[in-house]
N, C-alpha and C. Protein backbone atom coordinates (compact mmCIF):
# COMPACT_ATOMS: atom_id res chain seq x y z
N MET A 1 51.64 82.79 115.62
CA MET A 1 51.46 84.17 115.76
C MET A 1 52.76 84.87 116.32
N PRO A 2 53.16 85.94 115.49
CA PRO A 2 54.35 86.57 115.96
C PRO A 2 54.13 87.33 117.20
N ASP A 3 55.29 87.60 117.94
CA ASP A 3 55.21 88.41 119.16
C ASP A 3 54.76 89.79 118.89
N ALA A 4 53.88 90.35 119.74
CA ALA A 4 53.48 91.70 119.66
C ALA A 4 54.53 92.75 119.91
N VAL A 5 54.72 93.66 119.10
CA VAL A 5 55.67 94.78 119.24
C VAL A 5 54.95 95.86 120.15
N PRO A 6 55.62 96.24 121.23
CA PRO A 6 55.10 97.30 122.09
C PRO A 6 54.98 98.62 121.26
N SER A 7 53.93 99.36 121.56
CA SER A 7 53.71 100.71 120.92
C SER A 7 54.75 101.64 121.47
N PRO A 8 55.00 102.81 120.77
CA PRO A 8 55.92 103.75 121.19
C PRO A 8 55.45 104.33 122.57
N ALA A 9 54.22 104.47 122.80
CA ALA A 9 53.72 104.93 124.06
C ALA A 9 54.07 103.90 125.16
N ALA A 10 53.93 102.65 124.99
CA ALA A 10 54.20 101.72 125.87
C ALA A 10 55.68 101.69 126.33
N GLU A 11 56.47 101.83 125.22
CA GLU A 11 57.97 101.89 125.43
C GLU A 11 58.37 103.16 126.32
N ARG A 12 57.70 104.27 126.04
CA ARG A 12 57.95 105.48 126.84
C ARG A 12 57.65 105.24 128.29
N GLN A 13 56.41 104.61 128.52
CA GLN A 13 55.95 104.29 129.85
C GLN A 13 56.97 103.44 130.58
N ARG A 14 57.41 102.33 129.84
CA ARG A 14 58.36 101.36 130.42
C ARG A 14 59.68 102.10 130.91
N ARG A 15 60.19 103.02 129.99
CA ARG A 15 61.39 103.83 130.32
C ARG A 15 61.20 104.68 131.52
N HIS A 16 59.97 105.25 131.53
CA HIS A 16 59.56 106.17 132.62
C HIS A 16 59.62 105.43 133.96
N ARG A 17 58.98 104.33 133.93
CA ARG A 17 58.88 103.54 135.23
C ARG A 17 60.31 102.97 135.60
N GLU A 18 61.10 102.61 134.64
CA GLU A 18 62.50 102.20 134.96
C GLU A 18 63.34 103.26 135.63
N ARG A 19 63.22 104.43 134.98
CA ARG A 19 63.90 105.62 135.58
C ARG A 19 63.47 105.89 136.98
N ARG A 20 62.17 105.92 137.22
CA ARG A 20 61.64 106.15 138.55
C ARG A 20 62.13 105.16 139.59
N ARG A 21 62.27 103.93 139.16
CA ARG A 21 62.74 102.85 140.09
C ARG A 21 64.17 103.10 140.53
N HIS A 22 64.91 103.80 139.59
CA HIS A 22 66.30 104.12 139.89
C HIS A 22 66.46 105.58 140.49
N GLY A 23 65.35 106.26 140.77
CA GLY A 23 65.38 107.52 141.32
C GLY A 23 65.85 108.60 140.30
N VAL A 24 65.58 108.39 138.93
CA VAL A 24 65.98 109.37 137.98
C VAL A 24 64.76 109.94 137.37
N PHE A 25 64.76 111.25 137.20
CA PHE A 25 63.59 111.95 136.64
C PHE A 25 64.09 112.77 135.38
N VAL A 26 63.20 112.95 134.51
CA VAL A 26 63.42 113.75 133.29
C VAL A 26 62.75 115.06 133.56
N VAL A 27 63.49 116.21 133.46
CA VAL A 27 62.94 117.53 133.78
C VAL A 27 63.14 118.36 132.52
N PRO A 28 62.05 118.79 131.90
CA PRO A 28 62.27 119.73 130.84
C PRO A 28 62.58 121.16 131.30
N VAL A 29 63.65 121.68 130.64
CA VAL A 29 64.03 122.94 131.00
C VAL A 29 64.28 123.76 129.71
N GLU A 30 64.13 125.04 129.79
CA GLU A 30 64.45 125.94 128.65
C GLU A 30 65.92 126.38 128.73
N VAL A 31 66.51 126.22 127.58
CA VAL A 31 67.93 126.59 127.56
C VAL A 31 68.10 127.75 126.48
N THR A 32 68.69 128.80 126.81
CA THR A 32 68.88 129.88 125.91
C THR A 32 70.16 129.70 125.01
N CYS A 33 70.21 130.35 123.95
CA CYS A 33 71.48 130.33 123.08
C CYS A 33 72.71 130.72 123.87
N GLU A 34 72.49 131.66 124.80
CA GLU A 34 73.56 132.19 125.65
C GLU A 34 74.00 131.09 126.52
N MET A 35 73.21 130.23 127.06
CA MET A 35 73.61 129.16 127.95
C MET A 35 74.47 128.20 127.09
N ILE A 36 74.07 127.87 125.89
CA ILE A 36 74.78 126.94 125.08
C ILE A 36 76.16 127.52 124.66
N THR A 37 76.11 128.82 124.42
CA THR A 37 77.34 129.50 124.13
C THR A 37 78.31 129.39 125.32
N ALA A 38 77.80 129.63 126.48
CA ALA A 38 78.74 129.40 127.69
C ALA A 38 79.28 128.00 127.86
N LEU A 39 78.43 126.98 127.58
CA LEU A 39 78.91 125.67 127.55
C LEU A 39 80.03 125.45 126.51
N VAL A 40 79.91 126.06 125.37
CA VAL A 40 80.92 125.98 124.35
C VAL A 40 82.17 126.61 124.85
N ASP A 41 81.99 127.85 125.31
CA ASP A 41 83.14 128.63 125.84
C ASP A 41 83.94 127.93 126.97
N GLN A 42 83.16 127.20 127.84
CA GLN A 42 83.84 126.52 128.96
C GLN A 42 84.38 125.13 128.65
N GLY A 43 84.12 124.72 127.28
CA GLY A 43 84.65 123.52 126.76
C GLY A 43 83.69 122.27 127.08
N ASP A 44 82.59 122.53 127.63
CA ASP A 44 81.63 121.46 127.93
C ASP A 44 80.91 120.93 126.63
N VAL A 45 80.77 121.75 125.58
CA VAL A 45 80.18 121.38 124.40
C VAL A 45 81.05 121.78 123.25
N ASP A 46 81.26 120.91 122.31
CA ASP A 46 82.08 121.47 121.14
C ASP A 46 81.04 122.07 120.18
N GLU A 47 81.47 123.00 119.47
CA GLU A 47 80.61 123.81 118.56
C GLU A 47 79.91 122.95 117.54
N ALA A 48 80.46 121.86 117.08
CA ALA A 48 79.94 121.02 116.05
C ALA A 48 78.80 120.31 116.63
N ASN A 49 78.62 120.08 117.93
CA ASN A 49 77.56 119.40 118.52
C ASN A 49 76.58 120.32 119.30
N SER A 50 76.73 121.67 119.13
CA SER A 50 75.94 122.75 119.89
C SER A 50 74.51 122.66 119.50
N SER A 51 74.09 121.99 118.48
CA SER A 51 72.71 121.88 118.11
C SER A 51 72.02 120.54 118.41
N ASP A 52 72.82 119.71 118.89
CA ASP A 52 72.41 118.24 119.29
C ASP A 52 71.84 118.35 120.61
N LEU A 53 70.52 118.25 120.77
CA LEU A 53 69.86 118.45 122.11
C LEU A 53 70.27 117.42 123.08
N ASP A 54 70.50 116.16 122.65
CA ASP A 54 70.91 115.19 123.61
C ASP A 54 72.27 115.46 124.11
N TYR A 55 73.29 115.86 123.16
CA TYR A 55 74.56 116.16 123.63
C TYR A 55 74.59 117.33 124.56
N VAL A 56 73.86 118.32 124.20
CA VAL A 56 73.71 119.61 125.11
C VAL A 56 73.12 119.22 126.47
N GLY A 57 72.15 118.36 126.49
CA GLY A 57 71.51 117.78 127.77
C GLY A 57 72.57 117.10 128.62
N GLU A 58 73.30 116.29 127.99
CA GLU A 58 74.42 115.52 128.80
C GLU A 58 75.42 116.56 129.32
N ALA A 59 75.72 117.54 128.56
CA ALA A 59 76.66 118.53 129.07
C ALA A 59 76.06 119.34 130.20
N ILE A 60 74.82 119.67 130.11
CA ILE A 60 74.11 120.39 131.20
C ILE A 60 74.07 119.46 132.44
N THR A 61 73.83 118.21 132.29
CA THR A 61 73.74 117.35 133.36
C THR A 61 75.18 117.18 134.02
N ALA A 62 76.23 117.14 133.23
CA ALA A 62 77.53 117.07 133.83
C ALA A 62 77.98 118.30 134.54
N ALA A 63 77.53 119.51 133.97
CA ALA A 63 77.87 120.78 134.59
C ALA A 63 77.04 120.89 135.92
N ALA A 64 75.91 120.41 136.00
CA ALA A 64 75.08 120.45 137.20
C ALA A 64 75.67 119.61 138.29
N ARG A 65 76.15 118.45 137.84
CA ARG A 65 76.87 117.56 138.80
C ARG A 65 78.13 118.25 139.38
N ARG A 66 78.80 118.87 138.57
CA ARG A 66 80.11 119.54 139.08
C ARG A 66 79.64 120.68 140.00
N GLY A 67 78.63 121.45 139.57
CA GLY A 67 78.23 122.54 140.44
C GLY A 67 77.68 122.16 141.78
N LEU A 68 77.10 120.93 141.84
CA LEU A 68 76.45 120.39 143.04
C LEU A 68 77.46 119.43 143.78
N ASP A 69 78.66 119.27 143.20
CA ASP A 69 79.60 118.35 143.79
C ASP A 69 78.98 116.94 143.81
N LEU A 70 78.48 116.50 142.68
CA LEU A 70 77.81 115.15 142.63
C LEU A 70 78.59 114.30 141.76
N THR A 71 79.88 114.58 141.37
CA THR A 71 80.68 113.82 140.54
C THR A 71 81.27 112.58 141.20
């Protein structure tokens, strides 16, 4: 019998628990076009990737770390 493949929900739960163990949380936030434009203007996001939500999220995380002196 082949190994069972975990369901997508089971995988999400596994990632959630792993993040919590490491003290990491996913926080949904609303981002305006103006905020993304500011990230592009500051050089945190290149215009070609400005619609890539993962890329923008990483840039916001990096900007927050700098603003909070967490680098």
